[in-house]
Amino acid sequence: MQAVLLSGGFGTRMRPLTYTTPKPLLPILNKPLIQHMIDSLPEEVDEVVLAANYKIDILREYFEEVEMDREVFIVDEPEPRGTAGAVKNVEEHIDGAFFVMNSDIISSLDLEDFLEFFRKRDGIGAISSWRVEDPTEFGVMDIGEDHRIKKFQEKPDREEAFSNMINAGHYILEPEVLDMIPPGKKVSMEREIFPELVDEGLLGYGFEGYWIDCGRPSSLFEATRTLLDSSGKKNLIGERTVVEGDLGEHVTVGEDCTIGRSKIENSIIFDGVEIGENCLIENSILGYDVVVEEGVTIKDSIISDNLYLEEGSVMIDEKLKPEEV
């Protein structure tokens, strides 16, 4: 069975982090976002297909180096083709019912149970659904008691929304859906294909727990807090990392880091970071191989890869780009 992970896009809302790293490879609990999704797949999914374009060479390099029980195909999307167009572009890899997943979602969805739900019912596809308080930024679905989707709304005004159950970005589709997508064109699965499938039997699968759309740096903090809390951990320290300082709650430190006698709260530290003595870091993200000298204060900021912060620097509400940008 195949799973198609939609991994295109420039990750503009994640800048400056995505100037150097494609969004699917941004780390959450020291593991790339896309790896969290792959690890959640049922065992019978033996092939993963990435529909990608931005910084595709970095994605290829990652999957060449990491050990994987599944075969991974990375398919270049020469120009943006929308969610359905991207799936059509990988059609040659599909040989039966398949998963489609947005590669920037962290959730508690049990994909094994989702697949079993789909197989027990007569339908051409199934969509995961999540209940929200404000549906105005999402695609909304009207799901009947028989789990069949009756209609859709895309980003409705609050007073016009007929439901607060949104499309949660995980699908199971039969291969005949591919026949409905014209090749080589920009086509939206949500706006153009799914409404056409309603009469064919499109199912909605609701779940509880957590669901985080990792589209902004703030959502990296939310995902980190959620996953640490659900695992009962206060913080996480990577391999070959030496910490002499004080790590508060919801702090992750990557591999091969050196942390002097400094204080860090609610922050995400990527691999290879060096932090000197008497520093204070709060509510911030430090990219790969950042060097922080003694007495630096960093609050509510994002520091891009390979930057050097001089002794006594103060960074508050800053977003520092990589030097090459």
C-alpha atoms as a PDB file:
ATOM      1  CA  MET A   1       0.000   0.000   0.000  1.00  0.00           C
ATOM      2  CA  GLN A   2       1.170   3.540  -0.731  1.00  0.00           C
ATOM      3  CA  ALA A   3       0.995   6.806   1.189  1.00  0.00           C
ATOM      4  CA  VAL A   4       1.379  10.074  -0.686  1.00  0.00           C
ATOM      5  CA  LEU A   5       2.784  12.902   1.442  1.00  0.00           C
ATOM      6  CA  LEU A   6       2.146  16.364   0.039  1.00  0.00           C
ATOM      7  CA  SER A   7       5.492  18.009   0.671  1.00  0.00           C
ATOM      8  CA  GLY A   8       5.579  20.916  -1.776  1.00  0.00           C
ATOM      9  CA  GLY A   9       5.319  24.604  -1.026  1.00  0.00           C
ATOM     10  CA  PHE A  10       7.915  27.138   0.041  1.00  0.00           C
ATOM     11  CA  GLY A  11       6.984  27.278   3.729  1.00  0.00           C
ATOM     12  CA  THR A  12       6.823  31.070   3.606  1.00  0.00           C
ATOM     13  CA  ARG A  13       4.991  31.360   6.927  1.00  0.00           C
ATOM     14  CA  MET A  14       7.839  29.403   8.547  1.00  0.00           C
ATOM     15  CA  ARG A  15      10.523  31.836   7.489  1.00  0.00           C
ATOM     16  CA  PRO A  16      13.296  32.411   8.386  1.00  0.00           C
ATOM     17  CA  LEU A  17      13.587  28.690   9.283  1.00  0.00           C
ATOM     18  CA  THR A  18      12.651  27.555   5.769  1.00  0.00           C
ATOM     19  CA  TYR A  19      15.231  29.695   4.024  1.00  0.00           C
ATOM     20  CA  THR A  20      17.643  26.812   4.674  1.00  0.00           C
ATOM     21  CA  THR A  21      15.458  23.819   5.589  1.00  0.00           C
ATOM     22  CA  PRO A  22      12.340  22.583   3.762  1.00  0.00           C
ATOM     23  CA  LYS A  23       9.357  22.606   6.104  1.00  0.00           C
ATOM     24  CA  PRO A  24       8.926  18.791   6.153  1.00  0.00           C
ATOM     25  CA  LEU A  25      12.403  18.482   7.697  1.00  0.00           C
ATOM     26  CA  LEU A  26      11.962  21.015  10.497  1.00  0.00           C
ATOM     27  CA  PRO A  27      12.546  19.152  13.769  1.00  0.00           C
ATOM     28  CA  ILE A  28       9.931  18.520  16.425  1.00  0.00           C
ATOM     29  CA  LEU A  29      11.320  16.620  19.423  1.00  0.00           C
ATOM     30  CA  ASN A  30      14.552  16.268  17.428  1.00  0.00           C
ATOM     31  CA  LYS A  31      12.825  14.365  14.641  1.00  0.00           C
ATOM     32  CA  PRO A  32      11.780  15.849  11.278  1.00  0.00           C
ATOM     33  CA  LEU A  33       8.121  16.692  10.970  1.00  0.00           C
ATOM     34  CA  ILE A  34       7.709  14.361   8.009  1.00  0.00           C
ATOM     35  CA  GLN A  35       9.338  11.499   9.924  1.00  0.00           C
ATOM     36  CA  HIS A  36       6.660  11.786  12.620  1.00  0.00           C
ATOM     37  CA  MET A  37       4.073  11.242   9.875  1.00  0.00           C
ATOM     38  CA  ILE A  38       5.881   8.315   8.276  1.00  0.00           C
ATOM     39  CA  ASP A  39       6.296   6.625  11.658  1.00  0.00           C
ATOM     40  CA  SER A  40       2.530   6.897  12.239  1.00  0.00           C
ATOM     41  CA  LEU A  41       1.638   4.934   9.089  1.00  0.00           C
ATOM     42  CA  PRO A  42       0.198   1.411   9.348  1.00  0.00           C
ATOM     43  CA  GLU A  43       2.689  -1.406   8.801  1.00  0.00           C
ATOM     44  CA  GLU A  44       1.115  -2.434   5.519  1.00  0.00           C
ATOM     45  CA  VAL A  45       2.089   0.897   3.972  1.00  0.00           C
ATOM     46  CA  ASP A  46       5.350  -0.226   2.429  1.00  0.00           C
ATOM     47  CA  GLU A  47       5.841   2.650  -0.020  1.00  0.00           C
ATOM     48  CA  VAL A  48       5.914   6.367   0.722  1.00  0.00           C
ATOM     49  CA  VAL A  49       5.685   8.855  -2.135  1.00  0.00           C
ATOM     50  CA  LEU A  50       6.682  12.468  -1.530  1.00  0.00           C
ATOM     51  CA  ALA A  51       5.218  15.053  -3.887  1.00  0.00           C
ATOM     52  CA  ALA A  52       7.859  17.755  -3.501  1.00  0.00           C
ATOM     53  CA  ASN A  53       9.620  20.663  -5.169  1.00  0.00           C
ATOM     54  CA  TYR A  54      11.178  23.248  -2.810  1.00  0.00           C
ATOM     55  CA  LYS A  55      14.700  22.245  -1.738  1.00  0.00           C
ATOM     56  CA  ILE A  56      14.061  18.767  -3.083  1.00  0.00           C
ATOM     57  CA  ASP A  57      17.780  17.920  -3.037  1.00  0.00           C
ATOM     58  CA  ILE A  58      17.844  18.350   0.754  1.00  0.00           C
ATOM     59  CA  LEU A  59      14.859  15.990   1.050  1.00  0.00           C
ATOM     60  CA  ARG A  60      16.606  13.423  -1.136  1.00  0.00           C
ATOM     61  CA  GLU A  61      19.766  13.692   0.935  1.00  0.00           C
ATOM     62  CA  TYR A  62      17.839  13.080   4.154  1.00  0.00           C
ATOM     63  CA  PHE A  63      16.146   9.928   2.877  1.00  0.00           C
ATOM     64  CA  GLU A  64      19.406   8.617   1.433  1.00  0.00           C
ATOM     65  CA  GLU A  65      21.021   8.831   4.858  1.00  0.00           C
ATOM     66  CA  VAL A  66      18.199   7.673   7.139  1.00  0.00           C
ATOM     67  CA  GLU A  67      17.389   4.002   7.630  1.00  0.00           C
ATOM     68  CA  MET A  68      13.829   3.267   6.558  1.00  0.00           C
ATOM     69  CA  ASP A  69      11.705   0.097   6.620  1.00  0.00           C
ATOM     70  CA  ARG A  70       9.686   1.485   3.722  1.00  0.00           C
ATOM     71  CA  GLU A  71      10.670   2.396   0.194  1.00  0.00           C
ATOM     72  CA  VAL A  72      10.563   6.147  -0.364  1.00  0.00           C
ATOM     73  CA  PHE A  73      10.030   7.815  -3.738  1.00  0.00           C
ATOM     74  CA  ILE A  74      10.532  11.558  -4.097  1.00  0.00           C
ATOM     75  CA  VAL A  75       8.708  12.908  -7.154  1.00  0.00           C
ATOM     76  CA  ASP A  76       9.502  16.393  -8.417  1.00  0.00           C
ATOM     77  CA  GLU A  77       6.500  18.635  -8.985  1.00  0.00           C
ATOM     78  CA  PRO A  78       7.873  20.997 -11.681  1.00  0.00           C
ATOM     79  CA  GLU A  79       5.370  23.722 -10.873  1.00  0.00           C
ATOM     80  CA  PRO A  80       2.653  24.062  -8.200  1.00  0.00           C
ATOM     81  CA  ARG A  81      -0.322  21.927  -9.224  1.00  0.00           C
ATOM     82  CA  GLY A  82      -2.536  22.084  -6.167  1.00  0.00           C
ATOM     83  CA  THR A  83      -3.303  19.192  -3.837  1.00  0.00           C
ATOM     84  CA  ALA A  84      -5.036  17.072  -6.484  1.00  0.00           C
ATOM     85  CA  GLY A  85      -2.550  17.926  -9.221  1.00  0.00           C
ATOM     86  CA  ALA A  86       0.302  16.863  -6.958  1.00  0.00           C
ATOM     87  CA  VAL A  87      -1.381  13.499  -6.350  1.00  0.00           C
ATOM     88  CA  LYS A  88      -2.012  13.033 -10.083  1.00  0.00           C
ATOM     89  CA  ASN A  89       1.673  13.712 -10.696  1.00  0.00           C
ATOM     90  CA  VAL A  90       2.640  10.585  -8.694  1.00  0.00           C
ATOM     91  CA  GLU A  91      -0.026   8.351 -10.253  1.00  0.00           C
ATOM     92  CA  GLU A  92       2.507   5.860 -11.632  1.00  0.00           C
ATOM     93  CA  HIS A  93       3.365   4.804  -8.071  1.00  0.00           C
ATOM     94  CA  ILE A  94      -0.243   4.005  -7.065  1.00  0.00           C
ATOM     95  CA  ASP A  95      -1.609   0.468  -7.441  1.00  0.00           C
ATOM     96  CA  GLY A  96      -4.624   0.395  -5.113  1.00  0.00           C
ATOM     97  CA  ALA A  97      -6.336   2.290  -2.305  1.00  0.00           C
ATOM     98  CA  PHE A  98      -3.846   4.787  -0.894  1.00  0.00           C
ATOM     99  CA  PHE A  99      -3.310   7.385   1.800  1.00  0.00           C
ATOM    100  CA  VAL A 100      -2.839  11.079   1.063  1.00  0.00           C
ATOM    101  CA  MET A 101      -1.544  13.275   3.873  1.00  0.00           C
ATOM    102  CA  ASN A 102      -0.517  16.875   4.274  1.00  0.00           C
ATOM    103  CA  SER A 103       3.064  16.657   5.529  1.00  0.00           C
ATOM    104  CA  ASP A 104       2.745  19.443   8.104  1.00  0.00           C
ATOM    105  CA  ILE A 105       0.214  17.866  10.480  1.00  0.00           C
ATOM    106  CA  ILE A 106       0.968  16.543  13.959  1.00  0.00           C
ATOM    107  CA  SER A 107      -2.014  14.680  15.388  1.00  0.00           C
ATOM    108  CA  SER A 108      -3.214  11.803  17.533  1.00  0.00           C
ATOM    109  CA  LEU A 109      -5.061  10.212  14.598  1.00  0.00           C
ATOM    110  CA  ASP A 110      -4.757   6.412  14.623  1.00  0.00           C
ATOM    111  CA  LEU A 111      -4.180   5.695  10.937  1.00  0.00           C
ATOM    112  CA  GLU A 112      -4.644   1.957  11.441  1.00  0.00           C
ATOM    113  CA  ASP A 113      -8.120   2.555  12.855  1.00  0.00           C
ATOM    114  CA  PHE A 114      -8.825   5.082  10.094  1.00  0.00           C
ATOM    115  CA  LEU A 115      -7.984   2.445   7.478  1.00  0.00           C
ATOM    116  CA  GLU A 116     -10.144  -0.182   9.194  1.00  0.00           C
ATOM    117  CA  PHE A 117     -13.022   2.314   9.331  1.00  0.00           C
ATOM    118  CA  PHE A 118     -12.739   2.871   5.583  1.00  0.00           C
ATOM    119  CA  ARG A 119     -12.581  -0.809   4.686  1.00  0.00           C
ATOM    120  CA  LYS A 120     -15.703  -1.639   6.691  1.00  0.00           C
ATOM    121  CA  ARG A 121     -17.800   0.787   4.654  1.00  0.00           C
ATOM    122  CA  ASP A 122     -18.738   1.235   1.045  1.00  0.00           C
ATOM    123  CA  GLY A 123     -17.076   4.395  -0.157  1.00  0.00           C
ATOM    124  CA  ILE A 124     -14.722   5.837  -2.738  1.00  0.00           C
ATOM    125  CA  GLY A 125     -12.754   7.704  -0.113  1.00  0.00           C
ATOM    126  CA  ALA A 126     -12.529   8.895   3.483  1.00  0.00           C
ATOM    127  CA  ILE A 127     -11.432  12.161   5.057  1.00  0.00           C
ATOM    128  CA  SER A 128     -10.264  12.650   8.630  1.00  0.00           C
ATOM    129  CA  SER A 129     -12.189  15.344  10.490  1.00  0.00           C
ATOM    130  CA  TRP A 130     -11.421  17.454  13.536  1.00  0.00           C
ATOM    131  CA  ARG A 131     -13.723  19.665  15.600  1.00  0.00           C
ATOM    132  CA  VAL A 132     -12.663  23.313  15.986  1.00  0.00           C
ATOM    133  CA  GLU A 133     -14.194  26.355  17.663  1.00  0.00           C
ATOM    134  CA  ASP A 134     -13.566  28.658  14.702  1.00  0.00           C
ATOM    135  CA  PRO A 135     -13.964  26.997  11.276  1.00  0.00           C
ATOM    136  CA  THR A 136     -13.409  30.162   9.216  1.00  0.00           C
ATOM    137  CA  GLU A 137      -9.829  29.259   8.234  1.00  0.00           C
ATOM    138  CA  PHE A 138     -10.585  25.690   7.179  1.00  0.00           C
ATOM    139  CA  GLY A 139     -12.564  23.486   4.868  1.00  0.00           C
ATOM    140  CA  VAL A 140     -15.774  22.484   6.659  1.00  0.00           C
ATOM    141  CA  MET A 141     -17.705  19.234   6.193  1.00  0.00           C
ATOM    142  CA  ASP A 142     -21.309  18.252   6.911  1.00  0.00           C
ATOM    143  CA  ILE A 143     -21.133  14.613   8.045  1.00  0.00           C
ATOM    144  CA  GLY A 144     -24.254  12.527   8.484  1.00  0.00           C
ATOM    145  CA  GLU A 145     -24.933   9.912  11.158  1.00  0.00           C
ATOM    146  CA  ASP A 146     -23.980   7.234   8.599  1.00  0.00           C
ATOM    147  CA  HIS A 147     -20.515   8.882   8.356  1.00  0.00           C
ATOM    148  CA  ARG A 148     -21.175   9.989   4.780  1.00  0.00           C
ATOM    149  CA  ILE A 149     -20.159  13.522   3.894  1.00  0.00           C
ATOM    150  CA  LYS A 150     -23.104  15.470   2.503  1.00  0.00           C
ATOM    151  CA  LYS A 151     -21.473  18.749   1.492  1.00  0.00           C
ATOM    152  CA  PHE A 152     -18.451  21.017   1.901  1.00  0.00           C
ATOM    153  CA  GLN A 153     -17.699  24.646   2.658  1.00  0.00           C
ATOM    154  CA  GLU A 154     -14.274  26.204   2.121  1.00  0.00           C
ATOM    155  CA  LYS A 155     -13.313  28.824   4.744  1.00  0.00           C
ATOM    156  CA  PRO A 156     -16.861  30.014   5.470  1.00  0.00           C
ATOM    157  CA  ASP A 157     -17.828  33.124   7.378  1.00  0.00           C
ATOM    158  CA  ARG A 158     -18.580  32.199  10.978  1.00  0.00           C
ATOM    159  CA  GLU A 159     -22.304  32.957  10.694  1.00  0.00           C
ATOM    160  CA  GLU A 160     -22.583  30.875   7.509  1.00  0.00           C
ATOM    161  CA  ALA A 161     -20.668  27.792   8.676  1.00  0.00           C
ATOM    162  CA  PHE A 162     -22.970  24.759   8.820  1.00  0.00           C
ATOM    163  CA  SER A 163     -20.511  22.724  10.901  1.00  0.00           C
ATOM    164  CA  ASN A 164     -17.368  22.991  12.982  1.00  0.00           C
ATOM    165  CA  MET A 165     -15.948  19.697  11.682  1.00  0.00           C
ATOM    166  CA  ILE A 166     -12.999  20.511   9.435  1.00  0.00           C
ATOM    167  CA  ASN A 167     -10.919  18.589   6.941  1.00  0.00           C
ATOM    168  CA  ALA A 168      -7.948  17.387   9.025  1.00  0.00           C
ATOM    169  CA  GLY A 169      -5.670  16.660   6.072  1.00  0.00           C
ATOM    170  CA  HIS A 170      -5.557  12.836   6.001  1.00  0.00           C
ATOM    171  CA  TYR A 171      -7.336  10.929   3.234  1.00  0.00           C
ATOM    172  CA  ILE A 172      -7.791   7.385   1.993  1.00  0.00           C
ATOM    173  CA  LEU A 173      -8.786   7.185  -1.661  1.00  0.00           C
ATOM    174  CA  GLU A 174      -9.582   4.474  -4.150  1.00  0.00           C
ATOM    175  CA  PRO A 175      -7.418   4.652  -7.298  1.00  0.00           C
ATOM    176  CA  GLU A 176     -10.355   5.570  -9.582  1.00  0.00           C
ATOM    177  CA  VAL A 177     -10.282   9.032  -7.991  1.00  0.00           C
ATOM    178  CA  LEU A 178      -7.138   9.633 -10.037  1.00  0.00           C
ATOM    179  CA  ASP A 179      -9.198   9.350 -13.236  1.00  0.00           C
ATOM    180  CA  MET A 180     -11.114  12.470 -12.219  1.00  0.00           C
ATOM    181  CA  ILE A 181      -7.981  14.641 -12.033  1.00  0.00           C
ATOM    182  CA  PRO A 182      -6.784  16.148 -15.321  1.00  0.00           C
ATOM    183  CA  PRO A 183      -3.026  15.677 -15.819  1.00  0.00           C
ATOM    184  CA  GLY A 184      -0.557  18.550 -15.863  1.00  0.00           C
ATOM    185  CA  LYS A 185      -2.978  21.105 -14.392  1.00  0.00           C
ATOM    186  CA  LYS A 186      -3.406  22.908 -11.102  1.00  0.00           C
ATOM    187  CA  VAL A 187      -6.336  21.207  -9.358  1.00  0.00           C
ATOM    188  CA  SER A 188      -7.527  21.439  -5.765  1.00  0.00           C
ATOM    189  CA  MET A 189      -8.588  18.217  -4.080  1.00  0.00           C
ATOM    190  CA  GLU A 190     -10.618  20.129  -1.507  1.00  0.00           C
ATOM    191  CA  ARG A 191     -12.423  22.549  -3.820  1.00  0.00           C
ATOM    192  CA  GLU A 192     -12.762  20.618  -7.070  1.00  0.00           C
ATOM    193  CA  ILE A 193     -12.487  16.858  -6.509  1.00  0.00           C
ATOM    194  CA  PHE A 194     -14.053  16.121  -3.127  1.00  0.00           C
ATOM    195  CA  PRO A 195     -17.381  17.863  -3.916  1.00  0.00           C
ATOM    196  CA  GLU A 196     -17.635  15.663  -7.011  1.00  0.00           C
ATOM    197  CA  LEU A 197     -17.138  12.535  -4.888  1.00  0.00           C
ATOM    198  CA  VAL A 198     -20.012  13.179  -2.473  1.00  0.00           C
ATOM    199  CA  ASP A 199     -22.495  11.160  -4.531  1.00  0.00           C
ATOM    200  CA  GLU A 200     -19.946   8.337  -4.893  1.00  0.00           C
ATOM    201  CA  GLY A 201     -19.728   7.789  -1.143  1.00  0.00           C
ATOM    202  CA  LEU A 202     -17.204   9.986   0.627  1.00  0.00           C
ATOM    203  CA  LEU A 203     -16.802   9.228   4.332  1.00  0.00           C
ATOM    204  CA  GLY A 204     -15.871  11.403   7.298  1.00  0.00           C
ATOM    205  CA  TYR A 205     -13.825   9.991  10.173  1.00  0.00           C
ATOM    206  CA  GLY A 206     -13.692  12.034  13.381  1.00  0.00           C
ATOM    207  CA  PHE A 207     -11.088  11.562  16.093  1.00  0.00           C
ATOM    208  CA  GLU A 208     -10.166  13.005  19.481  1.00  0.00           C
ATOM    209  CA  GLY A 209      -6.896  13.985  21.123  1.00  0.00           C
ATOM    210  CA  TYR A 210      -4.818  16.633  19.406  1.00  0.00           C
ATOM    211  CA  TRP A 211      -4.400  18.106  15.930  1.00  0.00           C
ATOM    212  CA  ILE A 212      -1.794  20.741  15.056  1.00  0.00           C
ATOM    213  CA  ASP A 213      -1.352  22.359  11.665  1.00  0.00           C
ATOM    214  CA  CYS A 214       2.381  23.126  11.676  1.00  0.00           C
ATOM    215  CA  GLY A 215       2.286  26.076   9.323  1.00  0.00           C
ATOM    216  CA  ARG A 216       3.838  28.752  11.530  1.00  0.00           C
ATOM    217  CA  PRO A 217       6.704  28.875  14.050  1.00  0.00           C
ATOM    218  CA  SER A 218       4.118  29.216  16.842  1.00  0.00           C
ATOM    219  CA  SER A 219       2.769  25.778  15.914  1.00  0.00           C
ATOM    220  CA  LEU A 220       6.229  24.241  16.401  1.00  0.00           C
ATOM    221  CA  PHE A 221       6.017  25.390  20.017  1.00  0.00           C
ATOM    222  CA  GLU A 222       2.489  24.001  20.320  1.00  0.00           C
ATOM    223  CA  ALA A 223       3.519  20.636  18.859  1.00  0.00           C
ATOM    224  CA  THR A 224       6.554  20.471  21.137  1.00  0.00           C
ATOM    225  CA  ARG A 225       4.454  21.205  24.239  1.00  0.00           C
ATOM    226  CA  THR A 226       1.766  18.733  23.227  1.00  0.00           C
ATOM    227  CA  LEU A 227       4.123  15.855  22.473  1.00  0.00           C
ATOM    228  CA  LEU A 228       6.261  16.412  25.564  1.00  0.00           C
ATOM    229  CA  ASP A 229       3.190  16.602  27.804  1.00  0.00           C
ATOM    230  CA  SER A 230       1.635  13.496  26.243  1.00  0.00           C
ATOM    231  CA  SER A 231       4.863  11.555  26.849  1.00  0.00           C
ATOM    232  CA  GLY A 232       5.187  12.836  30.416  1.00  0.00           C
ATOM    233  CA  LYS A 233       8.523  14.546  29.721  1.00  0.00           C
ATOM    234  CA  LYS A 234       9.611  17.995  30.857  1.00  0.00           C
ATOM    235  CA  ASN A 235      12.237  18.428  28.146  1.00  0.00           C
ATOM    236  CA  LEU A 236      14.346  16.449  25.677  1.00  0.00           C
ATOM    237  CA  ILE A 237      18.116  16.365  25.145  1.00  0.00           C
ATOM    238  CA  GLY A 238      19.700  14.903  22.008  1.00  0.00           C
ATOM    239  CA  GLU A 239      22.613  12.486  21.768  1.00  0.00           C
ATOM    240  CA  ARG A 240      26.155  13.704  22.426  1.00  0.00           C
ATOM    241  CA  THR A 241      24.816  16.929  23.930  1.00  0.00           C
ATOM    242  CA  VAL A 242      26.324  18.379  27.118  1.00  0.00           C
ATOM    243  CA  VAL A 243      24.115  20.595  29.294  1.00  0.00           C
ATOM    244  CA  GLU A 244      25.454  22.387  32.359  1.00  0.00           C
ATOM    245  CA  GLY A 245      22.675  24.948  32.579  1.00  0.00           C
ATOM    246  CA  ASP A 246      19.046  24.936  33.669  1.00  0.00           C
ATOM    247  CA  LEU A 247      16.469  23.631  31.200  1.00  0.00           C
ATOM    248  CA  GLY A 248      12.888  24.531  32.041  1.00  0.00           C
ATOM    249  CA  GLU A 249       9.714  22.951  30.766  1.00  0.00           C
ATOM    250  CA  HIS A 250       9.029  22.436  27.069  1.00  0.00           C
ATOM    251  CA  VAL A 251      12.639  22.687  25.960  1.00  0.00           C
ATOM    252  CA  THR A 252      14.169  20.469  23.296  1.00  0.00           C
ATOM    253  CA  VAL A 253      17.893  20.479  22.570  1.00  0.00           C
ATOM    254  CA  GLY A 254      19.225  18.714  19.476  1.00  0.00           C
ATOM    255  CA  GLU A 255      22.253  16.504  19.007  1.00  0.00           C
ATOM    256  CA  ASP A 256      25.895  17.584  19.394  1.00  0.00           C
ATOM    257  CA  CYS A 257      25.080  20.741  21.368  1.00  0.00           C
ATOM    258  CA  THR A 258      27.018  22.382  24.197  1.00  0.00           C
ATOM    259  CA  ILE A 259      25.026  24.382  26.757  1.00  0.00           C
ATOM    260  CA  GLY A 260      26.934  26.313  29.432  1.00  0.00           C
ATOM    261  CA  ARG A 261      25.565  27.494  32.762  1.00  0.00           C
ATOM    262  CA  SER A 262      22.618  29.312  31.212  1.00  0.00           C
ATOM    263  CA  LYS A 263      18.829  29.232  31.533  1.00  0.00           C
ATOM    264  CA  ILE A 264      16.514  28.062  28.752  1.00  0.00           C
ATOM    265  CA  GLU A 265      12.692  28.080  28.889  1.00  0.00           C
ATOM    266  CA  ASN A 266      10.082  26.990  26.327  1.00  0.00           C
ATOM    267  CA  SER A 267      12.539  26.918  23.431  1.00  0.00           C
ATOM    268  CA  ILE A 268      13.634  24.705  20.547  1.00  0.00           C
ATOM    269  CA  ILE A 269      17.367  24.271  19.965  1.00  0.00           C
ATOM    270  CA  PHE A 270      18.438  22.563  16.728  1.00  0.00           C
ATOM    271  CA  ASP A 271      21.542  20.347  16.316  1.00  0.00           C
ATOM    272  CA  GLY A 272      25.074  21.641  16.711  1.00  0.00           C
ATOM    273  CA  VAL A 273      24.293  24.739  18.803  1.00  0.00           C
ATOM    274  CA  GLU A 274      26.832  26.201  21.234  1.00  0.00           C
ATOM    275  CA  ILE A 275      25.566  28.368  24.106  1.00  0.00           C
ATOM    276  CA  GLY A 276      27.979  30.015  26.512  1.00  0.00           C
ATOM    277  CA  GLU A 277      27.694  31.040  30.148  1.00  0.00           C
ATOM    278  CA  ASN A 278      25.047  33.277  31.769  1.00  0.00           C
ATOM    279  CA  CYS A 279      22.668  33.363  28.808  1.00  0.00           C
ATOM    280  CA  LEU A 280      18.891  33.591  29.007  1.00  0.00           C
ATOM    281  CA  ILE A 281      16.807  32.039  26.228  1.00  0.00           C
ATOM    282  CA  GLU A 282      12.997  32.109  26.367  1.00  0.00           C
ATOM    283  CA  ASN A 283      10.259  31.316  23.851  1.00  0.00           C
ATOM    284  CA  SER A 284      12.770  31.115  21.007  1.00  0.00           C
ATOM    285  CA  ILE A 285      14.071  28.847  18.243  1.00  0.00           C
ATOM    286  CA  LEU A 286      17.784  28.524  17.498  1.00  0.00           C
ATOM    287  CA  GLY A 287      18.647  26.982  14.125  1.00  0.00           C
ATOM    288  CA  TYR A 288      21.442  24.585  13.236  1.00  0.00           C
ATOM    289  CA  ASP A 289      25.010  25.371  14.366  1.00  0.00           C
ATOM    290  CA  VAL A 290      24.195  28.707  15.999  1.00  0.00           C
ATOM    291  CA  VAL A 291      26.903  30.037  18.330  1.00  0.00           C
ATOM    292  CA  VAL A 292      25.792  32.124  21.331  1.00  0.00           C
ATOM    293  CA  GLU A 293      28.528  33.808  23.325  1.00  0.00           C
ATOM    294  CA  GLU A 294      28.461  34.639  27.055  1.00  0.00           C
ATOM    295  CA  GLY A 295      25.741  36.827  28.554  1.00  0.00           C
ATOM    296  CA  VAL A 296      23.352  36.828  25.581  1.00  0.00           C
ATOM    297  CA  THR A 297      19.598  37.328  26.069  1.00  0.00           C
ATOM    298  CA  ILE A 298      17.193  35.877  23.484  1.00  0.00           C
ATOM    299  CA  LYS A 299      13.434  36.217  23.945  1.00  0.00           C
ATOM    300  CA  ASP A 300      10.545  35.570  21.535  1.00  0.00           C
ATOM    301  CA  SER A 301      12.976  35.259  18.638  1.00  0.00           C
ATOM    302  CA  ILE A 302      14.044  32.968  15.797  1.00  0.00           C
ATOM    303  CA  ILE A 303      17.762  32.715  15.034  1.00  0.00           C
ATOM    304  CA  SER A 304      18.582  31.136  11.679  1.00  0.00           C
ATOM    305  CA  ASP A 305      21.280  28.551  10.980  1.00  0.00           C
ATOM    306  CA  ASN A 306      25.005  29.234  11.384  1.00  0.00           C
ATOM    307  CA  LEU A 307      24.623  32.674  12.974  1.00  0.00           C
ATOM    308  CA  TYR A 308      26.995  34.037  15.612  1.00  0.00           C
ATOM    309  CA  LEU A 309      25.669  36.128  18.504  1.00  0.00           C
ATOM    310  CA  GLU A 310      28.314  38.248  20.165  1.00  0.00           C
ATOM    311  CA  GLU A 311      28.861  38.456  23.919  1.00  0.00           C
ATOM    312  CA  GLY A 312      26.189  40.477  25.690  1.00  0.00           C
ATOM    313  CA  SER A 313      23.836  40.656  22.701  1.00  0.00           C
ATOM    314  CA  VAL A 314      20.129  41.203  23.350  1.00  0.00           C
ATOM    315  CA  MET A 315      17.604  39.728  20.925  1.00  0.00           C
ATOM    316  CA  ILE A 316      13.935  40.393  21.694  1.00  0.00           C
ATOM    317  CA  ASP A 317      11.197  39.636  19.159  1.00  0.00           C
ATOM    318  CA  GLU A 318      13.739  39.216  16.360  1.00  0.00           C
ATOM    319  CA  LYS A 319      13.728  37.012  13.269  1.00  0.00           C
ATOM    320  CA  LEU A 320      17.289  36.785  12.010  1.00  0.00           C
ATOM    321  CA  LYS A 321      17.721  35.527   8.456  1.00  0.00           C
ATOM    322  CA  PRO A 322      20.665  33.382   7.360  1.00  0.00           C
ATOM    323  CA  GLU A 323      23.617  35.453   6.212  1.00  0.00           C
ATOM    324  CA  GLU A 324      23.273  34.274   2.609  1.00  0.00           C
ATOM    325  CA  VAL A 325      19.673  35.548   2.297  1.00  0.00           C
END
